[in-house]
């Protein structure tokens, strides 16, 4: 009853185009869903995202759901998720990508889902990690636990969007570390993030996780930067 009254006076709008959404739509309207640029990485094991990590780290799988273009709709979605508190966007994208990845044997083999962590200070400022709901949706679909404590960010720094390419890469390997026990050995970890750009952050996180004996790494992101 209360939700009906709220929707009557404050009808929900699409997170992409800001138009009113219908009763059978959720967060992103049907028109926007059809217009969002899908990568279809899941159809090609050696896709462009996977190739970003050639010679850098051993990975089992890498993929992203959407292409990210500056001033595009995906940028609007990620901005609303990351800075405007619209965590439901992460849930919707996670459920969407889970349905695409449902038959992928490598993802089915994953033992733990690991979000790229925020520094404690950043977490306090923002109040949430923007990839948490994305990970929880994947975890629910694949019945795989999410662990947000094994990987940690030791260094507080400016947001990546405010850095140039060199600034994103320099010193990044000292930013992350792991806290693990013998129970974490020989596990396949699915590392998740919002946008894959240079891959420097994900590489650093992966190298930290690979300190765990027998660890294997896969990577899934909501979006990938595309020129």
Protein backbone atom coordinates (compact mmCIF):
# COMPACT_ATOMS: atom_id res chain seq x y z
CA UNK A 1 0.00 0.00 0.00
CA UNK A 2 2.76 2.41 1.01
CA UNK A 3 4.79 1.61 -2.12
CA UNK A 4 1.73 2.23 -4.27
CA UNK A 5 1.24 5.67 -2.71
CA UNK A 6 4.93 6.52 -3.16
CA UNK A 7 4.81 5.44 -6.81
CA UNK A 8 1.65 7.50 -7.32
CA UNK A 9 3.25 10.75 -6.18
CA UNK A 10 6.86 9.91 -7.12
CA UNK A 11 6.65 7.54 -10.10
CA UNK A 12 9.87 5.64 -10.80
CA UNK A 13 11.97 6.71 -13.76
CA UNK A 14 14.42 4.81 -15.93
CA UNK A 15 18.01 4.97 -14.66
CA UNK A 16 19.16 5.45 -18.25
CA UNK A 17 16.84 7.92 -19.96
CA UNK A 18 14.84 9.32 -16.98
CA UNK A 19 11.47 8.54 -18.62
CA UNK A 20 8.75 6.98 -16.49
CA UNK A 21 8.94 3.19 -16.39
CA UNK A 22 5.96 0.85 -16.64
CA UNK A 23 4.72 -1.59 -14.05
CA UNK A 24 6.43 -4.50 -15.79
CA UNK A 25 9.76 -2.72 -16.09
CA UNK A 26 12.52 -2.66 -13.47
CA UNK A 27 15.03 0.20 -13.06
CA UNK A 28 15.91 0.29 -16.79
CA UNK A 29 13.10 0.72 -19.31
CA UNK A 30 12.58 -1.71 -22.18
CA UNK A 31 13.67 0.84 -24.79
CA UNK A 32 16.97 1.46 -23.01
CA UNK A 33 17.59 -2.25 -22.55
CA UNK A 34 17.38 -2.68 -26.31
CA UNK A 35 19.66 0.31 -26.92
CA UNK A 36 22.38 -0.56 -24.41
CA UNK A 37 25.59 -1.66 -26.23
CA UNK A 38 26.16 -5.33 -25.38
CA UNK A 39 29.67 -6.74 -25.81
CA UNK A 40 28.62 -10.39 -26.27
CA UNK A 41 31.98 -11.34 -24.74
CA UNK A 42 30.40 -14.50 -23.34
CA UNK A 43 30.16 -15.87 -26.89
CA UNK A 44 33.92 -15.62 -27.48
CA UNK A 45 36.34 -17.02 -24.85
CA UNK A 46 39.27 -15.05 -26.35
CA UNK A 47 37.43 -11.75 -26.54
CA UNK A 48 38.97 -8.27 -26.39
CA UNK A 49 38.64 -8.09 -22.59
CA UNK A 50 40.43 -11.42 -22.17
CA UNK A 51 43.21 -10.25 -24.51
CA UNK A 52 43.85 -7.19 -22.33
CA UNK A 53 45.54 -9.50 -19.83
CA UNK A 54 47.75 -11.42 -22.27
CA UNK A 55 51.25 -11.61 -20.78
CA UNK A 56 50.15 -9.78 -17.64
CA UNK A 57 48.39 -12.35 -15.48
CA UNK A 58 47.02 -15.88 -16.02
CA UNK A 59 43.23 -15.68 -16.27
CA UNK A 60 40.61 -18.33 -16.92
CA UNK A 61 37.91 -15.97 -18.21
CA UNK A 62 37.41 -12.22 -18.70
CA UNK A 63 34.24 -10.52 -19.89
CA UNK A 64 32.04 -7.44 -19.52
CA UNK A 65 28.32 -7.05 -20.13
CA UNK A 66 28.26 -3.60 -21.77
CA UNK A 67 30.46 -1.16 -23.66
CA UNK A 68 31.17 2.09 -21.83
CA UNK A 69 31.34 5.24 -23.96
CA UNK A 70 31.90 8.74 -22.60
CA UNK A 71 28.62 10.65 -22.39
CA UNK A 72 26.74 7.47 -23.30
CA UNK A 73 23.89 5.74 -21.51
CA UNK A 74 26.17 3.21 -19.79
CA UNK A 75 28.20 6.06 -18.31
CA UNK A 76 24.94 7.50 -16.96
CA UNK A 77 24.03 4.16 -15.40
CA UNK A 78 27.43 3.67 -13.78
CA UNK A 79 27.46 7.29 -12.54
CA UNK A 80 24.04 6.87 -10.93
CA UNK A 81 25.16 3.60 -9.37
CA UNK A 82 28.51 4.85 -8.13
CA UNK A 83 27.74 8.39 -6.96
CA UNK A 84 23.96 8.76 -6.66
CA UNK A 85 23.19 5.78 -4.42
CA UNK A 86 21.24 3.80 -7.02
CA UNK A 87 22.53 0.41 -5.90
CA UNK A 88 19.58 -1.30 -7.59
CA UNK A 89 21.35 -0.74 -10.93
CA UNK A 90 24.05 -3.18 -9.81
CA UNK A 91 21.41 -5.78 -8.99
CA UNK A 92 19.72 -5.45 -12.38
CA UNK A 93 23.02 -5.67 -14.29
CA UNK A 94 24.10 -8.63 -12.18
CA UNK A 95 20.88 -10.53 -12.85
CA UNK A 96 21.12 -9.67 -16.53
CA UNK A 97 24.70 -10.87 -16.88
CA UNK A 98 24.06 -13.99 -14.82
CA UNK A 99 21.44 -15.02 -17.37
CA UNK A 100 24.01 -14.54 -20.17
CA UNK A 101 26.73 -16.47 -18.33
CA UNK A 102 24.51 -19.27 -17.02
CA UNK A 103 25.89 -21.91 -19.40
CA UNK A 104 29.54 -20.86 -19.17
CA UNK A 105 31.48 -23.83 -17.71
CA UNK A 106 34.32 -21.64 -16.42
CA UNK A 107 31.99 -19.40 -14.41
CA UNK A 108 30.17 -22.45 -13.07
CA UNK A 109 33.54 -23.63 -11.70
CA UNK A 110 34.02 -20.47 -9.58
CA UNK A 111 34.36 -21.01 -5.81
CA UNK A 112 34.23 -17.42 -4.55
CA UNK A 113 33.13 -14.04 -5.91
CA UNK A 114 35.46 -11.19 -4.92
CA UNK A 115 34.52 -7.52 -5.43
CA UNK A 116 37.31 -5.02 -6.06
CA UNK A 117 37.43 -3.42 -2.61
CA UNK A 118 37.17 0.20 -1.56
CA UNK A 119 39.51 1.65 1.02
CA UNK A 120 37.82 1.95 4.44
CA UNK A 121 37.87 5.74 4.18
CA UNK A 122 36.24 5.67 0.72
CA UNK A 123 33.68 3.15 1.98
CA UNK A 124 32.80 5.49 4.83
CA UNK A 125 32.47 8.44 2.43
CA UNK A 126 30.29 6.63 -0.10
CA UNK A 127 28.47 4.27 2.25
CA UNK A 128 28.61 1.29 -0.09
CA UNK A 129 30.74 -0.51 -2.64
CA UNK A 130 29.16 -0.01 -6.06
CA UNK A 131 29.92 -3.58 -7.16
CA UNK A 132 28.41 -5.33 -4.12
CA UNK A 133 24.90 -5.76 -5.50
CA UNK A 134 26.27 -6.85 -8.87
CA UNK A 135 28.24 -9.56 -7.05
CA UNK A 136 25.32 -10.59 -4.86
CA UNK A 137 23.13 -11.08 -7.94
CA UNK A 138 25.80 -13.31 -9.52
CA UNK A 139 26.26 -15.15 -6.23
CA UNK A 140 22.53 -15.81 -5.95
CA UNK A 141 22.27 -17.13 -9.50
CA UNK A 142 25.34 -19.39 -9.36
CA UNK A 143 24.90 -20.35 -5.68
CA UNK A 144 28.46 -19.19 -5.07
CA UNK A 145 29.46 -17.27 -1.93
CA UNK A 146 30.74 -13.72 -2.18
CA UNK A 147 33.72 -12.81 0.01
CA UNK A 148 34.41 -9.10 0.54
CA UNK A 149 37.07 -9.51 3.24
CA UNK A 150 39.82 -11.64 1.68
CA UNK A 151 41.02 -8.85 -0.66
CA UNK A 152 41.75 -5.44 0.81
CA UNK A 153 42.77 -2.01 -0.42
CA UNK A 154 45.60 -0.70 1.75
CA UNK A 155 46.04 2.75 0.19
CA UNK A 156 43.50 5.56 -0.01
CA UNK A 157 43.79 7.43 -3.30
CA UNK A 158 41.92 9.73 -5.67
CA UNK A 159 39.17 8.20 -7.75
CA UNK A 160 40.48 6.55 -10.91
CA UNK A 161 38.39 8.82 -13.12
CA UNK A 162 40.44 11.83 -11.98
CA UNK A 163 43.80 10.24 -12.86
CA UNK A 164 45.63 10.07 -16.12
CA UNK A 165 46.78 6.74 -17.51
CA UNK A 166 50.24 6.93 -15.92
CA UNK A 167 48.74 7.83 -12.56
CA UNK A 168 46.43 4.81 -12.70
CA UNK A 169 49.32 2.42 -13.25
CA UNK A 170 52.15 3.79 -11.09
CA UNK A 171 52.32 2.09 -7.70
CA UNK A 172 49.04 0.21 -8.19
CA UNK A 173 50.59 -3.14 -7.27
CA UNK A 174 51.24 -1.90 -3.71
CA UNK A 175 47.61 -0.87 -3.19
CA UNK A 176 46.03 -4.31 -2.66
CA UNK A 177 46.77 -7.27 -0.39
CA UNK A 178 45.08 -10.48 0.74
CA UNK A 179 44.23 -11.97 4.12
CA UNK A 180 43.78 -15.70 3.64
CA UNK A 181 44.01 -19.04 5.41
CA UNK A 182 44.58 -22.62 4.26
CA UNK A 183 40.86 -23.00 3.55
CA UNK A 184 41.27 -20.44 0.74
CA UNK A 185 43.90 -22.47 -1.11
CA UNK A 186 43.19 -24.03 -4.50
CA UNK A 187 40.10 -21.93 -5.17
CA UNK A 188 38.81 -20.34 -8.37
CA UNK A 189 38.12 -16.65 -7.66
CA UNK A 190 35.79 -14.48 -9.75
CA UNK A 191 36.98 -10.89 -9.44
CA UNK A 192 34.28 -8.31 -10.24
CA UNK A 193 34.37 -4.57 -10.95
CA UNK A 194 32.24 -1.86 -12.53
CA UNK A 195 34.28 -0.69 -15.56
CA UNK A 196 37.29 -2.33 -17.18
CA UNK A 197 39.57 0.43 -18.54
CA UNK A 198 43.35 -0.11 -18.61
CA UNK A 199 43.05 -3.26 -16.52
CA UNK A 200 45.68 -1.98 -14.06
CA UNK A 201 43.46 -2.22 -10.99
CA UNK A 202 42.18 -5.69 -11.89
CA UNK A 203 45.72 -6.84 -12.63
CA UNK A 204 46.89 -5.62 -9.23
CA UNK A 205 43.96 -7.29 -7.48
CA UNK A 206 44.61 -10.52 -9.36
CA UNK A 207 48.30 -10.51 -8.43
CA UNK A 208 47.31 -10.11 -4.78
CA UNK A 209 44.86 -13.03 -5.02
CA UNK A 210 47.49 -15.15 -6.79
CA UNK A 211 49.54 -15.05 -3.59
CA UNK A 212 47.08 -17.69 -2.41
CA UNK A 213 48.48 -21.16 -3.21
CA UNK A 214 46.67 -22.79 -6.12
CA UNK A 215 44.45 -19.76 -6.84
CA UNK A 216 42.83 -19.32 -10.26
CA UNK A 217 41.36 -16.00 -11.43
CA UNK A 218 38.43 -15.03 -13.65
CA UNK A 219 37.17 -11.48 -14.14
CA UNK A 220 33.68 -10.15 -14.86
CA UNK A 221 32.75 -6.46 -15.14
CA UNK A 222 29.58 -4.53 -15.71
CA UNK A 223 31.15 -2.60 -18.58
CA UNK A 224 34.31 -2.13 -20.61
CA UNK A 225 35.62 1.20 -21.89
CA UNK A 226 35.33 1.33 -25.66
CA UNK A 227 36.51 4.00 -28.10
